[in-house]
PDB file of N, CA and C in Angstrom:
ATOM      1  N   MET A   1     -10.705  24.120  -8.043  1.00  0.00           N
ATOM      2  CA  MET A   1     -10.700  24.914  -6.828  1.00  0.00           C
ATOM      3  C   MET A   1      -9.444  25.772  -6.732  1.00  0.00           C
ATOM      4  N   SER A   2      -8.343  25.350  -7.327  1.00  0.00           N
ATOM      5  CA  SER A   2      -7.121  26.142  -7.234  1.00  0.00           C
ATOM      6  C   SER A   2      -7.288  27.489  -7.924  1.00  0.00           C
ATOM      7  N   ASN A   3      -8.114  27.572  -8.978  1.00  0.00           N
ATOM      8  CA  ASN A   3      -8.369  28.852  -9.614  1.00  0.00           C
ATOM      9  C   ASN A   3      -9.065  29.805  -8.656  1.00  0.00           C
ATOM     10  N   GLN A   4      -9.977  29.286  -7.850  1.00  0.00           N
ATOM     11  CA  GLN A   4     -10.639  30.107  -6.845  1.00  0.00           C
ATOM     12  C   GLN A   4      -9.619  30.665  -5.869  1.00  0.00           C
ATOM     13  N   ASN A   5      -8.682  29.847  -5.429  1.00  0.00           N
ATOM     14  CA  ASN A   5      -7.674  30.302  -4.484  1.00  0.00           C
ATOM     15  C   ASN A   5      -6.805  31.385  -5.102  1.00  0.00           C
ATOM     16  N   ASN A   6      -6.504  31.275  -6.389  1.00  0.00           N
ATOM     17  CA  ASN A   6      -5.726  32.313  -7.052  1.00  0.00           C
ATOM     18  C   ASN A   6      -6.515  33.610  -7.120  1.00  0.00           C
ATOM     19  N   ASP A   7      -7.824  33.525  -7.347  1.00  0.00           N
ATOM     20  CA  ASP A   7      -8.666  34.716  -7.384  1.00  0.00           C
ATOM     21  C   ASP A   7      -8.685  35.421  -6.032  1.00  0.00           C
ATOM     22  N   LEU A   8      -8.509  34.669  -4.961  1.00  0.00           N
ATOM     23  CA  LEU A   8      -8.506  35.236  -3.613  1.00  0.00           C
ATOM     24  C   LEU A   8      -7.108  35.653  -3.166  1.00  0.00           C
ATOM     25  N   ASN A   9      -6.114  35.542  -4.053  1.00  0.00           N
ATOM     26  CA  ASN A   9      -4.716  35.852  -3.733  1.00  0.00           C
ATOM     27  C   ASN A   9      -4.172  34.961  -2.623  1.00  0.00           C
ATOM     28  N   LEU A  10      -4.546  33.693  -2.651  1.00  0.00           N
ATOM     29  CA  LEU A  10      -4.031  32.731  -1.683  1.00  0.00           C
ATOM     30  C   LEU A  10      -2.841  32.002  -2.281  1.00  0.00           C
ATOM     31  N   VAL A  11      -1.882  31.690  -1.409  1.00  0.00           N
ATOM     32  CA  VAL A  11      -0.657  31.025  -1.837  1.00  0.00           C
ATOM     33  C   VAL A  11      -0.482  29.752  -1.014  1.00  0.00           C
ATOM     34  N   LEU A  12      -0.135  28.673  -1.683  1.00  0.00           N
ATOM     35  CA  LEU A  12       0.107  27.397  -1.022  1.00  0.00           C
ATOM     36  C   LEU A  12       1.409  27.467  -0.232  1.00  0.00           C
ATOM     37  N   VAL A  13       1.348  27.145   1.071  1.00  0.00           N
ATOM     38  CA  VAL A  13       2.556  27.163   1.907  1.00  0.00           C
ATOM     39  C   VAL A  13       2.933  25.784   2.429  1.00  0.00           C
ATOM     40  N   ALA A  14       1.990  24.836   2.410  1.00  0.00           N
ATOM     41  CA  ALA A  14       2.302  23.491   2.908  1.00  0.00           C
ATOM     42  C   ALA A  14       1.292  22.500   2.357  1.00  0.00           C
ATOM     43  N   GLU A  15       1.743  21.261   2.278  1.00  0.00           N
ATOM     44  CA  GLU A  15       0.913  20.167   1.802  1.00  0.00           C
ATOM     45  C   GLU A  15       1.258  18.940   2.617  1.00  0.00           C
ATOM     46  N   GLY A  16       0.263  18.147   2.990  1.00  0.00           N
ATOM     47  CA  GLY A  16       0.569  16.941   3.743  1.00  0.00           C
ATOM     48  C   GLY A  16      -0.651  16.310   4.369  1.00  0.00           C
ATOM     49  N   LYS A  17      -0.398  15.465   5.344  1.00  0.00           N
ATOM     50  CA  LYS A  17      -1.458  14.752   6.056  1.00  0.00           C
ATOM     51  C   LYS A  17      -2.102  15.679   7.084  1.00  0.00           C
ATOM     52  N   TYR A  18      -3.286  15.313   7.526  1.00  0.00           N
ATOM     53  CA  TYR A  18      -4.099  16.177   8.385  1.00  0.00           C
ATOM     54  C   TYR A  18      -3.382  16.611   9.660  1.00  0.00           C
ATOM     55  N   PHE A  19      -2.723  15.679  10.332  1.00  0.00           N
ATOM     56  CA  PHE A  19      -2.072  16.008  11.600  1.00  0.00           C
ATOM     57  C   PHE A  19      -1.022  17.101  11.413  1.00  0.00           C
ATOM     58  N   ASP A  20      -0.157  16.947  10.423  1.00  0.00           N
ATOM     59  CA  ASP A  20       0.899  17.930  10.174  1.00  0.00           C
ATOM     60  C   ASP A  20       0.328  19.283   9.762  1.00  0.00           C
ATOM     61  N   ILE A  21      -0.655  19.257   8.891  1.00  0.00           N
ATOM     62  CA  ILE A  21      -1.251  20.508   8.427  1.00  0.00           C
ATOM     63  C   ILE A  21      -1.992  21.205   9.564  1.00  0.00           C
ATOM     64  N   SER A  22      -2.626  20.449  10.441  1.00  0.00           N
ATOM     65  CA  SER A  22      -3.313  21.042  11.597  1.00  0.00           C
ATOM     66  C   SER A  22      -2.334  21.741  12.532  1.00  0.00           C
ATOM     67  N   LEU A  23      -1.171  21.132  12.743  1.00  0.00           N
ATOM     68  CA  LEU A  23      -0.146  21.774  13.576  1.00  0.00           C
ATOM     69  C   LEU A  23       0.313  23.084  12.954  1.00  0.00           C
ATOM     70  N   LYS A  24       0.530  23.070  11.654  1.00  0.00           N
ATOM     71  CA  LYS A  24       0.960  24.285  10.952  1.00  0.00           C
ATOM     72  C   LYS A  24      -0.136  25.351  10.991  1.00  0.00           C
ATOM     73  N   GLU A  25      -1.381  24.925  10.817  1.00  0.00           N
ATOM     74  CA  GLU A  25      -2.510  25.855  10.884  1.00  0.00           C
ATOM     75  C   GLU A  25      -2.559  26.529  12.256  1.00  0.00           C
ATOM     76  N   ASN A  26      -2.415  25.757  13.319  1.00  0.00           N
ATOM     77  CA  ASN A  26      -2.442  26.322  14.672  1.00  0.00           C
ATOM     78  C   ASN A  26      -1.293  27.289  14.894  1.00  0.00           C
ATOM     79  N   LEU A  27      -0.116  26.960  14.389  1.00  0.00           N
ATOM     80  CA  LEU A  27       1.034  27.860  14.509  1.00  0.00           C
ATOM     81  C   LEU A  27       0.735  29.200  13.845  1.00  0.00           C
ATOM     82  N   LEU A  28       0.196  29.153  12.649  1.00  0.00           N
ATOM     83  CA  LEU A  28      -0.123  30.392  11.934  1.00  0.00           C
ATOM     84  C   LEU A  28      -1.224  31.179  12.641  1.00  0.00           C
ATOM     85  N   LYS A  29      -2.288  30.505  13.042  1.00  0.00           N
ATOM     86  CA  LYS A  29      -3.400  31.201  13.704  1.00  0.00           C
ATOM     87  C   LYS A  29      -2.978  31.787  15.049  1.00  0.00           C
ATOM     88  N   ASN A  30      -2.114  31.083  15.779  1.00  0.00           N
ATOM     89  CA  ASN A  30      -1.616  31.614  17.053  1.00  0.00           C
ATOM     90  C   ASN A  30      -0.763  32.856  16.858  1.00  0.00           C
ATOM     91  N   ASN A  31      -0.240  33.035  15.655  1.00  0.00           N
ATOM     92  CA  ASN A  31       0.543  34.219  15.320  1.00  0.00           C
ATOM     93  C   ASN A  31      -0.259  35.190  14.455  1.00  0.00           C
ATOM     94  N   GLU A  32      -1.581  35.046  14.517  1.00  0.00           N
ATOM     95  CA  GLU A  32      -2.526  35.954  13.861  1.00  0.00           C
ATOM     96  C   GLU A  32      -2.346  36.034  12.349  1.00  0.00           C
ATOM     97  N   ILE A  33      -2.049  34.892  11.737  1.00  0.00           N
ATOM     98  CA  ILE A  33      -1.990  34.800  10.283  1.00  0.00           C
ATOM     99  C   ILE A  33      -3.167  33.933   9.834  1.00  0.00           C
ATOM    100  N   PRO A  34      -4.158  34.547   9.198  1.00  0.00           N
ATOM    101  CA  PRO A  34      -5.301  33.769   8.714  1.00  0.00           C
ATOM    102  C   PRO A  34      -4.848  32.756   7.660  1.00  0.00           C
ATOM    103  N   CYS A  35      -5.457  31.589   7.683  1.00  0.00           N
ATOM    104  CA  CYS A  35      -5.085  30.560   6.718  1.00  0.00           C
ATOM    105  C   CYS A  35      -6.299  29.705   6.377  1.00  0.00           C
ATOM    106  N   LEU A  36      -6.140  28.912   5.346  1.00  0.00           N
ATOM    107  CA  LEU A  36      -7.214  28.068   4.850  1.00  0.00           C
ATOM    108  C   LEU A  36      -6.662  26.681   4.577  1.00  0.00           C
ATOM    109  N   ILE A  37      -7.377  25.661   5.035  1.00  0.00           N
ATOM    110  CA  ILE A  37      -7.023  24.275   4.720  1.00  0.00           C
ATOM    111  C   ILE A  37      -8.018  23.766   3.685  1.00  0.00           C
ATOM    112  N   GLN A  38      -7.483  23.116   2.666  1.00  0.00           N
ATOM    113  CA  GLN A  38      -8.328  22.529   1.632  1.00  0.00           C
ATOM    114  C   GLN A  38      -7.915  21.073   1.437  1.00  0.00           C
ATOM    115  N   SER A  39      -8.891  20.179   1.457  1.00  0.00           N
ATOM    116  CA  SER A  39      -8.585  18.767   1.226  1.00  0.00           C
ATOM    117  C   SER A  39      -8.494  18.512  -0.273  1.00  0.00           C
ATOM    118  N   GLU A  40      -7.689  17.530  -0.627  1.00  0.00           N
ATOM    119  CA  GLU A  40      -7.483  17.227  -2.042  1.00  0.00           C
ATOM    120  C   GLU A  40      -8.705  16.552  -2.660  1.00  0.00           C
ATOM    121  N   TYR A  41      -9.269  15.581  -1.967  1.00  0.00           N
ATOM    122  CA  TYR A  41     -10.367  14.798  -2.535  1.00  0.00           C
ATOM    123  C   TYR A  41     -11.741  15.187  -2.005  1.00  0.00           C
ATOM    124  N   GLY A  42     -11.815  15.771  -0.832  1.00  0.00           N
ATOM    125  CA  GLY A  42     -13.088  16.220  -0.292  1.00  0.00           C
ATOM    126  C   GLY A  42     -13.625  15.338   0.814  1.00  0.00           C
ATOM    127  N   SER A  43     -14.664  15.831   1.464  1.00  0.00           N
ATOM    128  CA  SER A  43     -15.202  15.157   2.643  1.00  0.00           C
ATOM    129  C   SER A  43     -15.820  13.800   2.325  1.00  0.00           C
ATOM    130  N   GLY A  44     -16.363  13.620   1.133  1.00  0.00           N
ATOM    131  CA  GLY A  44     -16.930  12.324   0.764  1.00  0.00           C
ATOM    132  C   GLY A  44     -15.873  11.236   0.757  1.00  0.00           C
ATOM    133  N   PHE A  45     -14.690  11.576   0.268  1.00  0.00           N
ATOM    134  CA  PHE A  45     -13.579  10.620   0.264  1.00  0.00           C
ATOM    135  C   PHE A  45     -13.169  10.282   1.688  1.00  0.00           C
ATOM    136  N   VAL A  46     -13.068  11.296   2.530  1.00  0.00           N
ATOM    137  CA  VAL A  46     -12.656  11.086   3.921  1.00  0.00           C
ATOM    138  C   VAL A  46     -13.662  10.199   4.642  1.00  0.00           C
ATOM    139  N   MET A  47     -14.949  10.412   4.390  1.00  0.00           N
ATOM    140  CA  MET A  47     -15.978   9.609   5.053  1.00  0.00           C
ATOM    141  C   MET A  47     -15.875   8.133   4.654  1.00  0.00           C
ATOM    142  N   GLN A  48     -15.498   7.867   3.410  1.00  0.00           N
ATOM    143  CA  GLN A  48     -15.430   6.482   2.948  1.00  0.00           C
ATOM    144  C   GLN A  48     -14.061   5.850   3.176  1.00  0.00           C
ATOM    145  N   ALA A  49     -12.988   6.586   2.922  1.00  0.00           N
ATOM    146  CA  ALA A  49     -11.644   5.998   2.965  1.00  0.00           C
ATOM    147  C   ALA A  49     -10.897   6.299   4.251  1.00  0.00           C
ATOM    148  N   GLY A  50     -11.317   7.333   4.950  1.00  0.00           N
ATOM    149  CA  GLY A  50     -10.632   7.700   6.183  1.00  0.00           C
ATOM    150  C   GLY A  50      -9.696   8.875   5.999  1.00  0.00           C
ATOM    151  N   ASN A  51      -9.454   9.566   7.082  1.00  0.00           N
ATOM    152  CA  ASN A  51      -8.652  10.783   7.099  1.00  0.00           C
ATOM    153  C   ASN A  51      -7.180  10.536   6.783  1.00  0.00           C
ATOM    154  N   LEU A  52      -6.676   9.347   7.080  1.00  0.00           N
ATOM    155  CA  LEU A  52      -5.253   9.071   6.896  1.00  0.00           C
ATOM    156  C   LEU A  52      -4.838   9.032   5.434  1.00  0.00           C
ATOM    157  N   LEU A  53      -5.765   8.768   4.537  1.00  0.00           N
ATOM    158  CA  LEU A  53      -5.435   8.680   3.116  1.00  0.00           C
ATOM    159  C   LEU A  53      -5.558  10.018   2.393  1.00  0.00           C
ATOM    160  N   GLU A  54      -6.184  10.988   3.021  1.00  0.00           N
ATOM    161  CA  GLU A  54      -6.419  12.293   2.409  1.00  0.00           C
ATOM    162  C   GLU A  54      -5.182  13.178   2.513  1.00  0.00           C
ATOM    163  N   ASN A  55      -4.973  14.001   1.503  1.00  0.00           N
ATOM    164  CA  ASN A  55      -3.922  15.019   1.528  1.00  0.00           C
ATOM    165  C   ASN A  55      -4.577  16.382   1.681  1.00  0.00           C
ATOM    166  N   TYR A  56      -3.905  17.257   2.401  1.00  0.00           N
ATOM    167  CA  TYR A  56      -4.430  18.588   2.673  1.00  0.00           C
ATOM    168  C   TYR A  56      -3.439  19.643   2.219  1.00  0.00           C
ATOM    169  N   LYS A  57      -3.983  20.800   1.840  1.00  0.00           N
ATOM    170  CA  LYS A  57      -3.168  21.937   1.413  1.00  0.00           C
ATOM    171  C   LYS A  57      -3.478  23.110   2.330  1.00  0.00           C
ATOM    172  N   LEU A  58      -2.430  23.832   2.705  1.00  0.00           N
ATOM    173  CA  LEU A  58      -2.555  24.983   3.599  1.00  0.00           C
ATOM    174  C   LEU A  58      -2.206  26.245   2.819  1.00  0.00           C
ATOM    175  N   TYR A  59      -3.121  27.189   2.810  1.00  0.00           N
ATOM    176  CA  TYR A  59      -2.958  28.434   2.066  1.00  0.00           C
ATOM    177  C   TYR A  59      -2.958  29.628   3.009  1.00  0.00           C
ATOM    178  N   VAL A  60      -2.216  30.668   2.621  1.00  0.00           N
ATOM    179  CA  VAL A  60      -2.267  31.966   3.296  1.00  0.00           C
ATOM    180  C   VAL A  60      -2.428  33.046   2.232  1.00  0.00           C
ATOM    181  N   ALA A  61      -2.833  34.225   2.663  1.00  0.00           N
ATOM    182  CA  ALA A  61      -2.925  35.358   1.749  1.00  0.00           C
ATOM    183  C   ALA A  61      -1.525  35.764   1.310  1.00  0.00           C
ATOM    184  N   LYS A  62      -1.429  36.223   0.083  1.00  0.00           N
ATOM    185  CA  LYS A  62      -0.133  36.580  -0.496  1.00  0.00           C
ATOM    186  C   LYS A  62       0.629  37.575   0.380  1.00  0.00           C
ATOM    187  N   GLU A  63      -0.080  38.515   0.989  1.00  0.00           N
ATOM    188  CA  GLU A  63       0.592  39.526   1.820  1.00  0.00           C
ATOM    189  C   GLU A  63       1.169  38.941   3.113  1.00  0.00           C
ATOM    190  N   ASN A  64       0.730  37.763   3.502  1.00  0.00           N
ATOM    191  CA  ASN A  64       1.247  37.106   4.714  1.00  0.00           C
ATOM    192  C   ASN A  64       2.262  36.009   4.414  1.00  0.00           C
ATOM    193  N   LEU A  65       2.614  35.846   3.150  1.00  0.00           N
ATOM    194  CA  LEU A  65       3.453  34.724   2.733  1.00  0.00           C
ATOM    195  C   LEU A  65       4.807  34.693   3.434  1.00  0.00           C
ATOM    196  N   ASN A  66       5.544  35.788   3.420  1.00  0.00           N
ATOM    197  CA  ASN A  66       6.894  35.789   4.008  1.00  0.00           C
ATOM    198  C   ASN A  66       6.865  35.467   5.494  1.00  0.00           C
ATOM    199  N   ARG A  67       5.963  36.089   6.212  1.00  0.00           N
ATOM    200  CA  ARG A  67       5.867  35.839   7.659  1.00  0.00           C
ATOM    201  C   ARG A  67       5.463  34.388   7.936  1.00  0.00           C
ATOM    202  N   ALA A  68       4.534  33.871   7.154  1.00  0.00           N
ATOM    203  CA  ALA A  68       4.087  32.483   7.329  1.00  0.00           C
ATOM    204  C   ALA A  68       5.229  31.510   7.073  1.00  0.00           C
ATOM    205  N   LEU A  69       5.987  31.734   6.011  1.00  0.00           N
ATOM    206  CA  LEU A  69       7.106  30.843   5.699  1.00  0.00           C
ATOM    207  C   LEU A  69       8.179  30.899   6.779  1.00  0.00           C
ATOM    208  N   GLU A  70       8.439  32.081   7.323  1.00  0.00           N
ATOM    209  CA  GLU A  70       9.412  32.205   8.423  1.00  0.00           C
ATOM    210  C   GLU A  70       8.963  31.385   9.627  1.00  0.00           C
ATOM    211  N   LEU A  71       7.691  31.496   9.982  1.00  0.00           N
ATOM    212  CA  LEU A  71       7.168  30.734  11.124  1.00  0.00           C
ATOM    213  C   LEU A  71       7.221  29.233  10.872  1.00  0.00           C
ATOM    214  N   LEU A  72       6.825  28.825   9.687  1.00  0.00           N
ATOM    215  CA  LEU A  72       6.827  27.398   9.369  1.00  0.00           C
ATOM    216  C   LEU A  72       8.250  26.846   9.312  1.00  0.00           C
ATOM    217  N   ASP A  73       9.197  27.651   8.822  1.00  0.00           N
ATOM    218  CA  ASP A  73      10.606  27.227   8.808  1.00  0.00           C
ATOM    219  C   ASP A  73      11.156  27.128  10.221  1.00  0.00           C
ATOM    220  N   SER A  74      10.771  28.065  11.087  1.00  0.00           N
ATOM    221  CA  SER A  74      11.267  28.047  12.469  1.00  0.00           C
ATOM    222  C   SER A  74      10.705  26.857  13.234  1.00  0.00           C
ATOM    223  N   GLU A  75       9.547  26.369  12.819  1.00  0.00           N
ATOM    224  CA  GLU A  75       8.937  25.192  13.445  1.00  0.00           C
ATOM    225  C   GLU A  75       9.840  23.974  13.269  1.00  0.00           C
ATOM    226  N   LEU A  76      10.566  23.919  12.178  1.00  0.00           N
ATOM    227  CA  LEU A  76      11.437  22.779  11.893  1.00  0.00           C
ATOM    228  C   LEU A  76      12.725  22.811  12.693  1.00  0.00           C
ATOM    229  N   ASP A  77      13.093  23.971  13.211  1.00  0.00           N
ATOM    230  CA  ASP A  77      14.355  24.100  13.974  1.00  0.00           C
ATOM    231  C   ASP A  77      14.257  23.523  15.358  1.00  0.00           C
TER     232      ASP A  77
END
């Protein structure tokens, strides 16, 4: 799937558990930066093992990378 993301010019900006990635996704969307969340193992794993064990990746378009990183860095301050 990562090859597909490269074909779409998507860049990984964050990785982590669902709660953290959801907060970052909302921050980006509230600032009009489109983003994509991709689970590492997929929905079948989540259905059997639970959401807490899954890792998620947050992607943005390459042209939005700098702005997204600034927002995500400011979230930590």
